[in-house]
Protein backbone atom coordinates (compact mmCIF):
# COMPACT_ATOMS: atom_id res chain seq x y z
CA MET A 1 0.00 0.00 0.00
CA SER A 2 1.46 3.35 -1.07
CA ILE A 3 1.75 6.36 1.20
CA VAL A 4 -1.08 8.05 -0.74
CA GLU A 5 -3.32 5.01 -0.25
CA ARG A 6 -2.46 4.94 3.47
CA THR A 7 -3.21 8.65 3.74
CA ALA A 8 -6.54 8.18 1.96
CA HIS A 9 -7.38 5.26 4.26
CA TRP A 10 -6.55 7.38 7.32
CA ALA A 11 -8.56 10.32 5.91
CA GLN A 12 -11.71 8.27 5.16
CA PRO A 13 -13.82 10.02 7.82
CA LEU A 14 -13.08 13.36 6.12
CA LEU A 15 -13.30 12.01 2.55
CA ASN A 16 -16.70 10.46 3.31
CA LEU A 17 -18.30 13.63 4.67
CA PRO A 18 -21.30 14.15 2.36
CA VAL A 19 -20.11 17.50 0.98
CA VAL A 20 -16.58 16.18 0.34
CA ARG A 21 -17.82 12.90 -1.17
CA ARG A 22 -20.17 14.78 -3.56
CA THR A 23 -17.36 17.17 -4.55
CA ARG A 24 -15.00 14.24 -5.24
CA ARG A 25 -17.66 12.47 -7.33
CA ASN A 26 -18.39 15.66 -9.27
CA HIS A 27 -14.66 16.14 -9.81
CA GLY A 28 -14.47 12.61 -11.21
CA LEU A 29 -17.48 13.22 -13.47
CA GLU A 30 -15.94 16.51 -14.63
CA HIS A 31 -12.77 14.66 -15.69
CA ALA A 32 -14.76 11.87 -17.32
CA THR A 33 -16.78 14.44 -19.28
CA ILE A 34 -13.59 16.11 -20.52
CA HIS A 35 -12.20 12.69 -21.55
CA VAL A 36 -15.39 11.98 -23.53
CA LEU A 37 -15.36 15.42 -25.16
CA ALA A 38 -11.65 15.11 -26.04
CA ALA A 39 -12.35 11.83 -27.83
CA ARG A 40 -15.00 13.58 -29.94
CA ILE A 41 -13.45 17.02 -30.49
CA LYS A 42 -10.00 17.43 -31.97
CA ASP A 43 -7.77 19.92 -30.11
CA LEU A 44 -10.25 20.39 -27.27
CA ARG A 45 -9.29 23.25 -24.97
CA MET A 46 -11.25 23.10 -21.76
CA ALA A 47 -10.90 23.72 -18.06
CA GLY A 48 -13.16 22.81 -15.19
CA ARG A 49 -13.86 23.31 -11.53
CA SER A 50 -15.97 21.12 -9.28
CA ASP A 51 -17.95 21.68 -6.11
CA HIS A 52 -20.57 19.78 -4.13
CA ASN A 53 -23.39 20.91 -6.45
CA GLY A 54 -21.75 19.93 -9.75
CA PHE A 55 -19.05 21.47 -11.89
CA VAL A 56 -18.25 24.18 -14.39
CA LEU A 57 -16.65 23.57 -17.78
CA ILE A 58 -14.96 26.50 -19.49
CA GLY A 59 -14.48 26.10 -23.23
CA ASP A 60 -16.22 26.78 -26.50
CA VAL A 61 -18.24 23.61 -27.01
CA PRO A 62 -21.90 23.43 -28.05
CA THR A 63 -24.21 22.78 -25.10
CA GLU A 64 -25.71 19.71 -26.76
CA GLN A 65 -22.26 18.12 -26.99
CA VAL A 66 -21.54 18.90 -23.34
CA GLU A 67 -24.88 17.43 -22.28
CA HIS A 68 -24.33 14.24 -24.31
CA ALA A 69 -20.77 13.92 -22.98
CA VAL A 70 -21.87 14.33 -19.34
CA ARG A 71 -24.53 11.67 -19.70
CA ASP A 72 -22.17 9.34 -21.57
CA ALA A 73 -19.44 9.88 -18.96
CA LEU A 74 -21.84 9.10 -16.10
CA ARG A 75 -23.09 5.96 -17.86
CA ARG A 76 -19.55 4.76 -18.53
CA MET A 77 -18.44 5.40 -14.95
CA ARG A 78 -21.47 3.50 -13.64
CA ASN A 79 -20.48 0.63 -15.95
CA GLY A 80 -17.06 0.40 -14.30
CA GLU A 81 -14.87 2.85 -16.21
CA HIS A 82 -13.70 4.47 -12.96
CA GLN A 83 -10.34 5.43 -14.49
CA LEU A 84 -12.13 8.22 -16.40
CA ALA A 85 -12.13 10.15 -13.09
CA VAL A 86 -8.37 10.75 -13.41
CA HIS A 87 -7.12 13.32 -15.92
CA PRO A 88 -3.49 14.25 -16.70
CA ASN A 89 -4.24 17.99 -16.83
CA CYS A 90 -5.96 18.14 -13.46
CA GLY A 91 -5.14 20.97 -11.09
CA THR A 92 -4.13 18.33 -8.54
CA ASN A 93 -1.21 17.44 -10.83
CA LEU A 94 -0.31 21.10 -11.30
CA VAL A 95 -0.38 21.83 -7.56
CA THR A 96 1.60 18.67 -6.80
CA THR A 97 4.23 19.61 -9.39
CA GLY A 98 4.44 23.19 -8.12
CA PHE A 99 4.77 22.04 -4.52
CA MET A 100 7.36 19.36 -5.27
CA THR A 101 9.58 21.55 -7.47
CA THR A 102 9.39 24.55 -5.14
CA THR A 103 10.26 22.37 -2.16
CA ALA A 104 13.17 20.81 -4.04
CA ALA A 105 14.51 24.24 -4.99
CA MET A 106 14.12 25.55 -1.44
CA ILE A 107 15.97 22.55 -0.04
CA GLY A 108 18.73 22.92 -2.61
CA LEU A 109 19.15 26.63 -1.88
CA SER A 110 18.60 26.64 1.88
CA GLY A 111 21.28 28.52 3.75
CA ALA A 112 23.09 29.60 0.58
CA SER A 113 24.32 33.09 -0.09
CA ARG A 114 23.76 34.54 -3.57
CA ARG A 115 27.21 33.40 -4.66
CA GLU A 116 26.74 29.91 -3.23
CA ALA A 117 23.31 29.71 -4.87
CA TRP A 118 24.93 30.09 -8.32
CA ASN A 119 27.39 27.34 -7.44
CA ARG A 120 24.54 25.09 -6.34
CA LEU A 121 22.52 25.67 -9.50
CA PRO A 122 23.42 22.28 -11.12
CA ALA A 123 22.46 20.43 -7.92
CA VAL A 124 19.24 22.44 -7.56
CA MET A 125 18.31 21.75 -11.19
CA THR A 126 18.88 18.04 -10.58
CA LEU A 127 16.66 18.14 -7.47
CA VAL A 128 13.94 19.97 -9.41
CA MET A 129 14.08 17.44 -12.27
CA ILE A 130 13.80 14.56 -9.77
CA ALA A 131 10.82 16.34 -8.20
CA LEU A 132 9.22 16.67 -11.65
CA VAL A 133 9.61 12.95 -12.28
CA ILE A 134 8.11 12.07 -8.89
CA ALA A 135 5.30 14.65 -9.12
CA GLN A 136 3.54 13.10 -12.12
CA PRO A 137 2.71 9.71 -10.60
CA LEU A 138 2.16 11.33 -7.20
CA GLY A 139 -0.41 13.77 -8.63
CA THR A 140 -2.17 10.92 -10.40
CA ALA A 141 -2.25 8.87 -7.17
CA LEU A 142 -3.60 11.87 -5.24
CA GLN A 143 -6.39 12.21 -7.80
CA ARG A 144 -7.22 8.52 -7.76
CA HIS A 145 -7.37 8.19 -3.97
CA ILE A 146 -8.13 11.65 -2.58
CA THR A 147 -9.38 14.43 -4.89
CA THR A 148 -11.70 12.43 -7.17
CA ASP A 149 -14.02 9.45 -6.82
CA GLY A 150 -14.44 7.20 -9.86
CA ASP A 151 -17.63 5.66 -8.49
CA PRO A 152 -20.50 8.10 -9.09
CA ALA A 153 -22.87 5.96 -6.98
CA ASP A 154 -26.26 7.73 -6.92
CA LEU A 155 -25.05 10.94 -8.59
CA GLU A 156 -27.68 12.35 -10.98
CA ILE A 157 -27.47 15.09 -13.59
CA VAL A 158 -30.02 17.83 -12.90
CA SER A 159 -29.14 20.34 -15.61
CA VAL A 160 -26.55 21.59 -18.06
CA LYS A 161 -26.71 25.34 -18.68
CA ARG A 162 -24.51 27.59 -20.77
CA ASP A 163 -23.57 31.16 -20.05
CA ASP A 164 -21.36 33.34 -22.24
CA LEU A 165 -19.20 35.58 -20.08
CA ARG A 166 -17.34 38.63 -21.22
CA THR A 167 -14.18 39.63 -19.40
CA PRO A 168 -12.00 42.69 -19.87
CA LEU A 169 -9.01 40.63 -21.01
CA SER A 170 -10.76 38.33 -23.48
CA ARG A 171 -11.45 39.12 -27.13
CA GLY A 172 -14.93 37.67 -27.10
CA ALA A 173 -17.29 35.79 -24.86
CA ILE A 174 -16.08 32.79 -22.90
CA ALA A 175 -18.44 29.80 -22.90
CA VAL A 176 -19.12 28.45 -19.41
CA HIS A 177 -21.29 25.39 -18.85
CA ARG A 178 -22.64 24.76 -15.37
CA VAL A 179 -23.46 21.10 -14.79
CA THR A 180 -25.68 20.72 -11.73
CA THR A 181 -25.89 17.34 -10.03
CA ARG A 182 -27.63 15.86 -7.02
CA SER A 183 -27.05 12.92 -4.78
CA SER A 184 -29.16 11.50 -1.99
């Protein structure tokens, strides 16, 4: 049993709180939906964010395609395709990588003057590269055991609604789909 699995086992009381469990299931369904959409749409560019009431998908995709993908993803997860809950571009991976590389750099540079820091640069770069190699499987394990749940259980899709948002820094509207779910 890996350290992530042991941590998840120890954290079960927290991970099984209704609000946390629903958020983890929605996070898994969000990833599964993006996997389904990516298989259907070449060069899909999409981001998402989950909460206990569902998730948001940001990306220019027709609402009908999002709705079909959400329903297909839920069906597939219920049929045992739990691995769809894990996605390589998840924020969990990004945070894990950022944490690991920053920690490696801090360790490599701790106590060094500016001059010593330059001399340590090859060692620090090596530590950061090792951290990068470790971070990828660690982020995936954190997703699988802590931040997502591949078993949707009684999760139901309530609605899929699109909103086009305009922001000062964007050229046009940004498509945002809110997928609302419920669970008993």
